[in-house]
Amino acid sequence: MLARLRARIATWWRAMRHRDRFEDEMAEELRFHVESYAADLVAKGTRPEEAERQARLMFGASNAVVEERCRDAYGLRLWDDMVADLRYALRQFRHAPAFTATVIVVLALGIGANATMFTVISATLLRRLPYGHADGLMQLTSSDKSGIPASSADDSAALEWPRAKSVASLLYYTRGGGWLESQLQLQQVDRQQVSSNFCEVLGVAPALGRCFVPSDSETANGQAAILSNALWRGFFHADPQVIGRTVSFEQQPHIIIGVMPARFEFPLSPQEPQM
């Protein structure tokens, strides 16, 4: 089935690329049949002029039909009809600019609204979140009495949250940014500060290195950091030896312990974090 479709597309493309040659060959083929029929009539005793007239009467009316059937068989008739309809529509639009503008605006609004709705439905209903236990994830936010969101992610904060029996574990994260330095390079990056059970709750694992452990927040050598795949490829040139390297983020030492897979997406983040 696929081979037949490919062959049909290839035939159509050849006919489209060499349209003039295709039309000439088709006309030549039909001319050959007219001449052959006229020659048969002459062989039976008909005068050449009369034989040619009868041959043209025999094939002339059907030539146009045969040509259309040949174009239809090669898929050219559909293309010709579409081009003709498009030209007619453009002529009509040119004579009625106000109507044209209205049609374009209505089409743009309709297409845009449908694309937006499909994007929302796909993200919320159709596409499964790329995490181990996607159906059980829920986002909670904390804020002070004035409504200002909390600005830190600390493992000790877990004790302050009310524990329900249906909650298996809590992951804390907060967004920030700063300057990342490594040797002669300097780049501003977006960072998510997360609690040590980051991989456990989301059910993900780094493509290189390891994930966080509770002792990472207690090390005196600097904070542990996991890179996004994009930052690893761009800033560190996809160096597989980056694991264990110490870099400076906001003039504070950070030890790279892992690199996330390329398809990983941080949950509910308006801007994909790089570290």
Protein backbone atom coordinates (compact mmCIF):
# COMPACT_ATOMS: atom_id res chain seq x y z
CA MET A 1 0.00 0.00 0.00
CA LEU A 2 2.76 2.41 0.95
CA ALA A 3 4.83 1.45 -2.11
CA ARG A 4 1.83 2.08 -4.36
CA LEU A 5 1.25 5.49 -2.78
CA ARG A 6 4.91 6.42 -3.24
CA ALA A 7 4.80 5.33 -6.88
CA ARG A 8 1.66 7.40 -7.50
CA ILE A 9 3.20 10.48 -5.88
CA ALA A 10 6.40 10.02 -7.90
CA THR A 11 4.40 9.74 -11.14
CA TRP A 12 2.41 12.87 -10.31
CA TRP A 13 5.57 14.78 -9.46
CA ARG A 14 7.27 13.81 -12.73
CA ALA A 15 4.20 14.86 -14.68
CA MET A 16 4.09 18.20 -12.82
CA ARG A 17 7.80 18.92 -13.27
CA HIS A 18 7.69 18.14 -16.99
CA ARG A 19 4.15 19.32 -17.74
CA ASP A 20 4.93 20.64 -21.25
CA ARG A 21 6.61 17.38 -22.24
CA PHE A 22 3.71 15.39 -20.78
CA GLU A 23 1.18 17.39 -22.83
CA ASP A 24 3.29 17.03 -26.01
CA GLU A 25 3.64 13.28 -25.55
CA MET A 26 -0.10 12.92 -24.97
CA ALA A 27 -0.93 14.97 -28.07
CA GLU A 28 1.59 12.97 -30.10
CA GLU A 29 0.02 9.69 -28.95
CA LEU A 30 -3.47 10.84 -29.98
CA ARG A 31 -2.14 12.12 -33.33
CA PHE A 32 -0.62 8.70 -33.96
CA HIS A 33 -3.99 7.01 -33.50
CA VAL A 34 -5.69 9.47 -35.88
CA GLU A 35 -3.05 8.91 -38.54
CA SER A 36 -3.16 5.13 -38.10
CA TYR A 37 -6.94 5.06 -38.54
CA ALA A 38 -6.69 7.27 -41.61
CA ALA A 39 -4.05 4.95 -43.09
CA ASP A 40 -6.33 1.95 -42.55
CA LEU A 41 -9.12 3.73 -44.42
CA VAL A 42 -6.80 4.58 -47.31
CA ALA A 43 -5.72 0.92 -47.48
CA LYS A 44 -9.39 -0.02 -47.88
CA GLY A 45 -9.77 2.30 -50.88
CA THR A 46 -10.89 5.57 -49.29
CA ARG A 47 -9.39 8.74 -50.74
CA PRO A 48 -6.69 10.30 -48.47
CA GLU A 49 -8.65 13.54 -47.96
CA GLU A 50 -11.83 11.65 -47.06
CA ALA A 51 -9.90 9.21 -44.84
CA GLU A 52 -8.31 12.08 -42.89
CA ARG A 53 -11.73 13.77 -42.53
CA GLN A 54 -13.34 10.59 -41.21
CA ALA A 55 -10.43 9.97 -38.81
CA ARG A 56 -10.76 13.47 -37.39
CA LEU A 57 -14.51 13.02 -37.05
CA MET A 58 -13.90 9.68 -35.32
CA PHE A 59 -11.28 10.85 -32.84
CA GLY A 60 -11.69 14.60 -32.75
CA ALA A 61 -14.67 14.67 -30.40
CA SER A 62 -13.13 12.09 -28.09
CA ASN A 63 -9.63 13.61 -27.99
CA ALA A 64 -10.60 16.16 -25.35
CA VAL A 65 -12.26 13.45 -23.24
CA VAL A 66 -9.23 11.17 -23.55
CA GLU A 67 -6.88 14.02 -22.62
CA GLU A 68 -8.93 14.84 -19.53
CA ARG A 69 -8.97 11.17 -18.50
CA CYS A 70 -5.17 11.02 -18.87
CA ARG A 71 -4.72 14.13 -16.74
CA ASP A 72 -7.12 12.71 -14.17
CA ALA A 73 -5.21 9.41 -14.08
CA TYR A 74 -1.96 11.25 -13.37
CA GLY A 75 -3.59 13.47 -10.74
CA LEU A 76 -3.17 16.66 -12.80
CA ARG A 77 -6.84 17.46 -13.21
CA LEU A 78 -7.35 18.02 -9.49
CA TRP A 79 -4.37 20.41 -9.49
CA ASP A 80 -5.71 22.27 -12.54
CA ASP A 81 -9.17 22.61 -10.99
CA MET A 82 -7.69 23.91 -7.73
CA VAL A 83 -5.55 26.50 -9.53
CA ALA A 84 -8.54 27.62 -11.61
CA ASP A 85 -10.71 27.96 -8.50
CA LEU A 86 -7.98 29.91 -6.74
CA ARG A 87 -7.60 32.31 -9.66
CA TYR A 88 -11.36 32.84 -9.77
CA ALA A 89 -11.45 33.52 -6.03
CA LEU A 90 -8.59 36.03 -6.29
CA ARG A 91 -10.37 37.85 -9.11
CA GLN A 92 -13.53 38.02 -7.03
CA PHE A 93 -11.64 39.25 -3.97
CA ARG A 94 -9.87 41.92 -6.00
CA HIS A 95 -13.21 43.37 -7.11
CA ALA A 96 -14.56 43.40 -3.50
CA PRO A 97 -11.72 44.49 -1.11
CA ALA A 98 -14.04 45.05 1.86
CA PHE A 99 -15.50 41.56 1.57
CA THR A 100 -11.98 40.17 1.15
CA ALA A 101 -10.78 41.85 4.34
CA THR A 102 -13.80 40.53 6.25
CA VAL A 103 -13.22 36.97 5.02
CA ILE A 104 -9.52 37.10 5.94
CA VAL A 105 -10.25 38.41 9.45
CA VAL A 106 -12.98 35.80 10.05
CA LEU A 107 -10.71 32.99 8.82
CA ALA A 108 -7.79 34.22 10.95
CA LEU A 109 -9.96 34.43 14.07
CA GLY A 110 -11.51 31.02 13.43
CA ILE A 111 -8.20 29.29 12.77
CA GLY A 112 -6.52 31.01 15.71
CA ALA A 113 -9.36 30.13 18.11
CA ASN A 114 -9.38 26.49 17.01
CA ALA A 115 -5.59 26.22 17.27
CA THR A 116 -5.69 27.73 20.77
CA MET A 117 -8.46 25.41 21.90
CA PHE A 118 -6.66 22.36 20.56
CA THR A 119 -3.42 23.43 22.28
CA VAL A 120 -5.21 23.78 25.61
CA ILE A 121 -7.13 20.51 25.24
CA SER A 122 -3.99 18.65 24.15
CA ALA A 123 -1.99 19.96 27.09
CA THR A 124 -4.69 19.36 29.71
CA LEU A 125 -6.62 16.32 28.49
CA LEU A 126 -4.84 14.44 25.71
CA ARG A 127 -1.11 14.61 26.38
CA ARG A 128 0.07 12.76 29.43
CA LEU A 129 2.54 14.57 31.67
CA PRO A 130 6.07 13.16 31.26
CA TYR A 131 6.40 11.99 34.86
CA GLY A 132 6.31 8.63 36.58
CA HIS A 133 3.04 9.20 38.50
CA ALA A 134 1.42 11.94 36.43
CA ASP A 135 -2.15 11.18 37.55
CA GLY A 136 -1.23 11.66 41.20
CA LEU A 137 0.58 14.99 40.95
CA MET A 138 -0.88 18.20 42.34
CA GLN A 139 0.61 21.67 42.67
CA LEU A 140 0.29 23.59 45.94
CA THR A 141 1.53 27.12 46.64
CA SER A 142 2.42 28.79 49.93
CA SER A 143 2.32 32.46 50.80
CA ASP A 144 2.50 34.68 53.85
CA LYS A 145 -0.41 36.59 55.39
CA SER A 146 -0.08 39.37 52.81
CA GLY A 147 -0.36 36.89 49.93
CA ILE A 148 3.28 37.04 48.86
CA PRO A 149 4.49 33.60 47.65
CA ALA A 150 7.21 31.82 49.56
CA SER A 151 10.70 32.46 48.17
CA SER A 152 12.69 29.40 49.26
CA ALA A 153 12.67 25.63 48.87
CA ASP A 154 13.83 23.96 52.06
CA ASP A 155 13.51 20.31 53.09
CA SER A 156 12.71 21.42 56.64
CA ALA A 157 9.62 23.25 55.38
CA ALA A 158 7.94 19.89 54.82
CA LEU A 159 7.23 19.70 58.56
CA GLU A 160 5.16 22.88 58.39
CA TRP A 161 2.71 21.57 55.81
CA PRO A 162 -0.41 19.73 56.91
CA ARG A 163 -0.05 16.03 56.11
CA ALA A 164 -2.95 14.15 54.63
CA LYS A 165 -3.00 10.36 54.47
CA SER A 166 -3.39 10.55 50.67
CA VAL A 167 -0.15 12.55 50.27
CA ALA A 168 2.83 10.28 49.64
CA SER A 169 5.53 12.96 49.47
CA LEU A 170 6.02 16.69 48.90
CA LEU A 171 8.46 18.35 46.51
CA TYR A 172 9.40 21.99 47.02
CA TYR A 173 10.72 24.29 44.33
CA THR A 174 11.10 28.00 43.68
CA ARG A 175 12.29 29.85 40.59
CA GLY A 176 15.26 32.17 40.38
CA GLY A 177 18.05 33.24 38.08
CA GLY A 178 21.62 34.43 38.00
CA TRP A 179 24.99 34.28 36.28
CA LEU A 180 26.75 31.00 35.65
CA GLU A 181 30.54 31.05 35.28
CA SER A 182 32.83 28.32 34.01
CA GLN A 183 36.41 29.09 33.05
CA LEU A 184 36.17 31.89 30.45
CA GLN A 185 32.39 31.60 29.91
CA LEU A 186 29.64 33.65 31.49
CA GLN A 187 25.92 33.19 30.90
CA GLN A 188 22.71 34.24 32.59
CA VAL A 189 20.54 31.21 33.34
CA ASP A 190 17.18 30.42 34.92
CA ARG A 191 17.34 28.17 37.95
CA GLN A 192 14.86 26.20 40.02
CA GLN A 193 15.83 25.58 43.61
CA VAL A 194 14.32 22.21 44.55
CA SER A 195 14.14 19.89 47.51
CA SER A 196 16.23 16.72 47.52
CA ASN A 197 13.29 14.41 46.64
CA PHE A 198 12.96 16.06 43.23
CA CYS A 199 13.50 12.89 41.16
CA GLU A 200 11.57 10.67 43.59
CA VAL A 201 8.35 12.69 43.41
CA LEU A 202 8.39 13.28 39.66
CA GLY A 203 9.54 9.75 38.86
CA VAL A 204 12.36 10.92 36.58
CA ALA A 205 16.08 10.23 36.40
CA PRO A 206 19.04 12.16 34.94
CA ALA A 207 20.46 11.05 31.60
CA LEU A 208 23.95 11.53 33.04
CA GLY A 209 25.10 11.37 36.64
CA ARG A 210 22.73 11.04 39.55
CA CYS A 211 19.88 12.87 41.23
CA PHE A 212 19.85 14.64 44.59
CA VAL A 213 20.16 12.99 47.98
CA PRO A 214 19.44 14.64 51.35
CA SER A 215 23.14 15.02 52.12
CA ASP A 216 23.62 17.27 49.06
CA SER A 217 22.10 20.20 50.94
CA GLU A 218 24.56 19.74 53.81
CA THR A 219 27.84 19.58 51.86
CA ALA A 220 30.41 22.23 52.59
CA ASN A 221 31.86 22.11 49.06
CA GLY A 222 28.90 23.87 47.45
CA GLN A 223 25.34 23.19 46.38
CA ALA A 224 24.63 20.25 44.10
CA ALA A 225 23.28 21.15 40.66
CA ILE A 226 21.61 19.26 37.82
CA LEU A 227 21.74 20.78 34.33
CA SER A 228 19.08 20.86 31.67
CA ASN A 229 20.01 19.04 28.49
CA ALA A 230 19.98 22.32 26.54
CA LEU A 231 22.38 24.05 28.95
CA TRP A 232 24.67 21.02 28.96
CA ARG A 233 24.84 21.01 25.15
CA GLY A 234 25.14 24.76 24.74
CA PHE A 235 27.25 25.99 27.65
CA PHE A 236 29.29 22.84 28.28
CA HIS A 237 29.37 21.61 24.64
CA ALA A 238 27.84 18.22 25.62
CA ASP A 239 30.98 17.30 27.58
CA PRO A 240 30.36 13.89 29.25
CA GLN A 241 33.08 14.72 31.78
CA VAL A 242 31.05 17.60 33.21
CA ILE A 243 29.83 15.42 36.11
CA GLY A 244 31.74 16.37 39.25
CA ARG A 245 32.90 19.72 37.90
CA THR A 246 32.56 22.77 40.15
CA VAL A 247 31.15 25.93 38.60
CA SER A 248 30.26 29.32 40.05
CA PHE A 249 26.64 30.45 40.13
CA GLU A 250 26.14 33.94 41.57
CA GLN A 251 29.70 33.64 42.96
CA GLN A 252 28.74 30.53 44.91
CA PRO A 253 30.30 27.12 44.15
CA HIS A 254 27.98 24.51 42.63
CA ILE A 255 28.91 20.89 41.95
CA ILE A 256 27.35 19.40 38.82
CA ILE A 257 25.97 15.98 39.68
CA GLY A 258 23.70 15.25 36.72
CA VAL A 259 22.19 16.18 33.35
CA MET A 260 18.47 15.73 32.62
CA PRO A 261 17.16 13.99 29.46
CA ALA A 262 16.35 16.11 26.41
CA ARG A 263 12.59 15.45 26.70
CA PHE A 264 12.35 16.44 30.36
CA GLU A 265 10.08 19.40 31.13
CA PHE A 266 9.92 21.11 34.49
CA PRO A 267 6.31 21.10 35.79
CA LEU A 268 4.23 24.25 35.49
CA SER A 269 7.17 26.50 34.74
CA PRO A 270 6.49 29.54 32.51
CA GLN A 271 10.14 29.53 31.48
CA GLU A 272 12.03 26.26 31.21
CA PRO A 273 14.78 26.29 33.87
CA GLN A 274 18.35 25.58 32.77
CA MET A 275 19.71 24.46 36.13
